[in-house]
Amino acid sequence: MTTIKATANQSKRTFTIRKNYPDGTILKYRTGPMSKEEFENCEMNTENDWKDFLRTDGSYYEV
């Protein structure tokens, strides 16, 4: 089962999102800078919220 973990960067108001696969592969994404309100809302995101974010939002890139 794939797991997702997001780490916040408070000063840049971005998130680093790590997608871990059962075979040990890890993909890493970073969001673009967010408004203060959007960033604070995203701090409450669940794993499913981040999955939806990666599936539907284009404001991130692979690192």
N, C-alpha and C. Protein backbone atom coordinates (compact mmCIF):
# COMPACT_ATOMS: atom_id res chain seq x y z
N MET A 1 0.84 -1.18 0.00
CA MET A 1 0.00 0.00 0.00
C MET A 1 0.88 1.24 0.00
N THR A 2 0.53 2.20 -0.81
CA THR A 2 1.27 3.45 -0.90
C THR A 2 0.90 4.35 0.27
N THR A 3 1.92 4.98 0.88
CA THR A 3 1.65 5.93 1.95
C THR A 3 2.17 7.30 1.54
N ILE A 4 1.57 8.33 2.09
CA ILE A 4 1.96 9.70 1.78
C ILE A 4 2.19 10.44 3.09
N LYS A 5 3.30 11.19 3.13
CA LYS A 5 3.61 12.00 4.29
C LYS A 5 3.99 13.39 3.79
N ALA A 6 3.43 14.42 4.40
CA ALA A 6 3.74 15.81 4.02
C ALA A 6 4.44 16.50 5.17
N THR A 7 5.49 17.25 4.82
CA THR A 7 6.25 18.01 5.80
C THR A 7 6.16 19.49 5.43
N ALA A 8 5.80 20.32 6.41
CA ALA A 8 5.62 21.75 6.16
C ALA A 8 6.93 22.51 6.29
N ASN A 9 7.12 23.50 5.42
CA ASN A 9 8.20 24.47 5.55
C ASN A 9 7.52 25.80 5.89
N GLN A 10 7.54 26.16 7.16
CA GLN A 10 6.81 27.32 7.65
C GLN A 10 7.28 28.63 7.01
N SER A 11 8.59 28.80 6.87
CA SER A 11 9.11 30.08 6.38
C SER A 11 8.78 30.30 4.90
N LYS A 12 8.77 29.23 4.10
CA LYS A 12 8.46 29.38 2.67
C LYS A 12 6.99 29.10 2.36
N ARG A 13 6.25 28.61 3.36
CA ARG A 13 4.84 28.22 3.20
C ARG A 13 4.66 27.24 2.04
N THR A 14 5.48 26.19 2.07
CA THR A 14 5.39 25.11 1.10
C THR A 14 5.33 23.78 1.86
N PHE A 15 5.01 22.72 1.13
CA PHE A 15 5.01 21.37 1.70
C PHE A 15 5.86 20.48 0.83
N THR A 16 6.61 19.57 1.45
CA THR A 16 7.29 18.50 0.75
C THR A 16 6.46 17.26 1.00
N ILE A 17 6.06 16.62 -0.09
CA ILE A 17 5.17 15.46 -0.01
C ILE A 17 5.96 14.23 -0.47
N ARG A 18 6.06 13.23 0.39
CA ARG A 18 6.76 11.99 0.05
C ARG A 18 5.74 10.87 -0.14
N LYS A 19 5.84 10.22 -1.29
CA LYS A 19 4.95 9.12 -1.62
C LYS A 19 5.80 7.85 -1.58
N ASN A 20 5.54 6.97 -0.61
CA ASN A 20 6.31 5.75 -0.39
C ASN A 20 5.55 4.55 -0.93
N TYR A 21 6.22 3.77 -1.78
CA TYR A 21 5.63 2.57 -2.36
C TYR A 21 6.15 1.34 -1.63
N PRO A 22 5.39 0.24 -1.66
CA PRO A 22 5.79 -0.99 -0.95
C PRO A 22 7.15 -1.54 -1.39
N ASP A 23 7.55 -1.29 -2.64
CA ASP A 23 8.84 -1.81 -3.12
C ASP A 23 10.03 -0.95 -2.67
N GLY A 24 9.77 0.09 -1.87
CA GLY A 24 10.84 0.94 -1.36
C GLY A 24 11.06 2.21 -2.16
N THR A 25 10.38 2.36 -3.28
CA THR A 25 10.49 3.56 -4.09
C THR A 25 9.86 4.74 -3.36
N ILE A 26 10.54 5.88 -3.39
CA ILE A 26 10.01 7.10 -2.78
C ILE A 26 10.02 8.20 -3.83
N LEU A 27 8.87 8.79 -4.06
CA LEU A 27 8.78 9.96 -4.94
C LEU A 27 8.55 11.17 -4.06
N LYS A 28 9.24 12.27 -4.40
CA LYS A 28 9.17 13.47 -3.58
C LYS A 28 8.67 14.63 -4.42
N TYR A 29 7.68 15.35 -3.90
CA TYR A 29 7.08 16.49 -4.58
C TYR A 29 7.14 17.70 -3.66
N ARG A 30 7.12 18.89 -4.24
CA ARG A 30 7.07 20.11 -3.45
C ARG A 30 5.99 21.02 -4.02
N THR A 31 5.20 21.59 -3.12
CA THR A 31 4.15 22.52 -3.55
C THR A 31 4.79 23.87 -3.85
N GLY A 32 4.08 24.67 -4.60
CA GLY A 32 4.48 26.06 -4.77
C GLY A 32 4.15 26.83 -3.50
N PRO A 33 4.67 28.05 -3.37
CA PRO A 33 4.33 28.87 -2.20
C PRO A 33 2.83 29.13 -2.14
N MET A 34 2.31 29.11 -0.93
CA MET A 34 0.87 29.28 -0.71
C MET A 34 0.61 30.56 0.08
N SER A 35 -0.62 31.04 -0.01
CA SER A 35 -1.02 32.15 0.85
C SER A 35 -1.04 31.64 2.29
N LYS A 36 -1.00 32.55 3.22
CA LYS A 36 -0.98 32.17 4.64
C LYS A 36 -2.22 31.33 4.99
N GLU A 37 -3.39 31.76 4.50
CA GLU A 37 -4.63 31.05 4.80
C GLU A 37 -4.64 29.65 4.19
N GLU A 38 -4.23 29.55 2.93
CA GLU A 38 -4.19 28.24 2.26
C GLU A 38 -3.21 27.30 2.96
N PHE A 39 -2.04 27.84 3.33
CA PHE A 39 -1.03 27.03 4.02
C PHE A 39 -1.58 26.50 5.34
N GLU A 40 -2.21 27.36 6.11
CA GLU A 40 -2.76 26.94 7.40
C GLU A 40 -3.85 25.88 7.23
N ASN A 41 -4.66 26.02 6.19
CA ASN A 41 -5.68 25.00 5.91
C ASN A 41 -5.04 23.67 5.55
N CYS A 42 -3.98 23.70 4.75
CA CYS A 42 -3.32 22.47 4.31
C CYS A 42 -2.59 21.76 5.45
N GLU A 43 -2.25 22.50 6.50
CA GLU A 43 -1.58 21.86 7.64
C GLU A 43 -2.48 20.81 8.30
N MET A 44 -3.77 20.90 8.07
CA MET A 44 -4.72 19.95 8.64
C MET A 44 -5.03 18.79 7.69
N ASN A 45 -4.41 18.77 6.51
CA ASN A 45 -4.71 17.73 5.52
C ASN A 45 -4.39 16.33 6.03
N THR A 46 -5.25 15.41 5.66
CA THR A 46 -5.02 14.00 5.95
C THR A 46 -4.28 13.38 4.78
N GLU A 47 -3.90 12.12 4.91
CA GLU A 47 -3.23 11.42 3.81
C GLU A 47 -4.12 11.41 2.56
N ASN A 48 -5.41 11.19 2.75
CA ASN A 48 -6.33 11.19 1.60
C ASN A 48 -6.43 12.57 0.95
N ASP A 49 -6.37 13.63 1.76
CA ASP A 49 -6.38 14.98 1.20
C ASP A 49 -5.17 15.21 0.31
N TRP A 50 -3.99 14.72 0.75
CA TRP A 50 -2.78 14.89 -0.05
C TRP A 50 -2.84 14.05 -1.33
N LYS A 51 -3.44 12.87 -1.25
CA LYS A 51 -3.62 12.05 -2.46
C LYS A 51 -4.48 12.79 -3.47
N ASP A 52 -5.57 13.39 -3.00
CA ASP A 52 -6.43 14.18 -3.88
C ASP A 52 -5.69 15.38 -4.44
N PHE A 53 -4.88 16.03 -3.60
CA PHE A 53 -4.09 17.18 -4.04
C PHE A 53 -3.17 16.78 -5.20
N LEU A 54 -2.46 15.67 -5.04
CA LEU A 54 -1.54 15.22 -6.09
C LEU A 54 -2.29 14.81 -7.36
N ARG A 55 -3.49 14.31 -7.21
CA ARG A 55 -4.27 13.85 -8.35
C ARG A 55 -4.91 15.02 -9.11
N THR A 56 -5.29 16.10 -8.41
CA THR A 56 -6.09 17.13 -9.05
C THR A 56 -5.43 18.50 -9.15
N ASP A 57 -4.48 18.81 -8.29
CA ASP A 57 -3.90 20.16 -8.28
C ASP A 57 -2.58 20.15 -9.02
N GLY A 58 -2.34 21.15 -9.85
CA GLY A 58 -1.10 21.19 -10.63
C GLY A 58 -0.04 22.09 -10.03
N SER A 59 -0.24 22.56 -8.79
CA SER A 59 0.71 23.52 -8.22
C SER A 59 1.80 22.83 -7.37
N TYR A 60 2.41 21.79 -7.95
CA TYR A 60 3.53 21.11 -7.30
C TYR A 60 4.48 20.61 -8.39
N TYR A 61 5.68 20.24 -7.97
CA TYR A 61 6.66 19.70 -8.91
C TYR A 61 7.45 18.60 -8.23
N GLU A 62 8.04 17.74 -9.03
CA GLU A 62 8.83 16.64 -8.50
C GLU A 62 10.24 17.12 -8.17
N VAL A 63 10.75 16.67 -7.01
CA VAL A 63 12.12 17.02 -6.61
C VAL A 63 12.99 15.80 -6.56
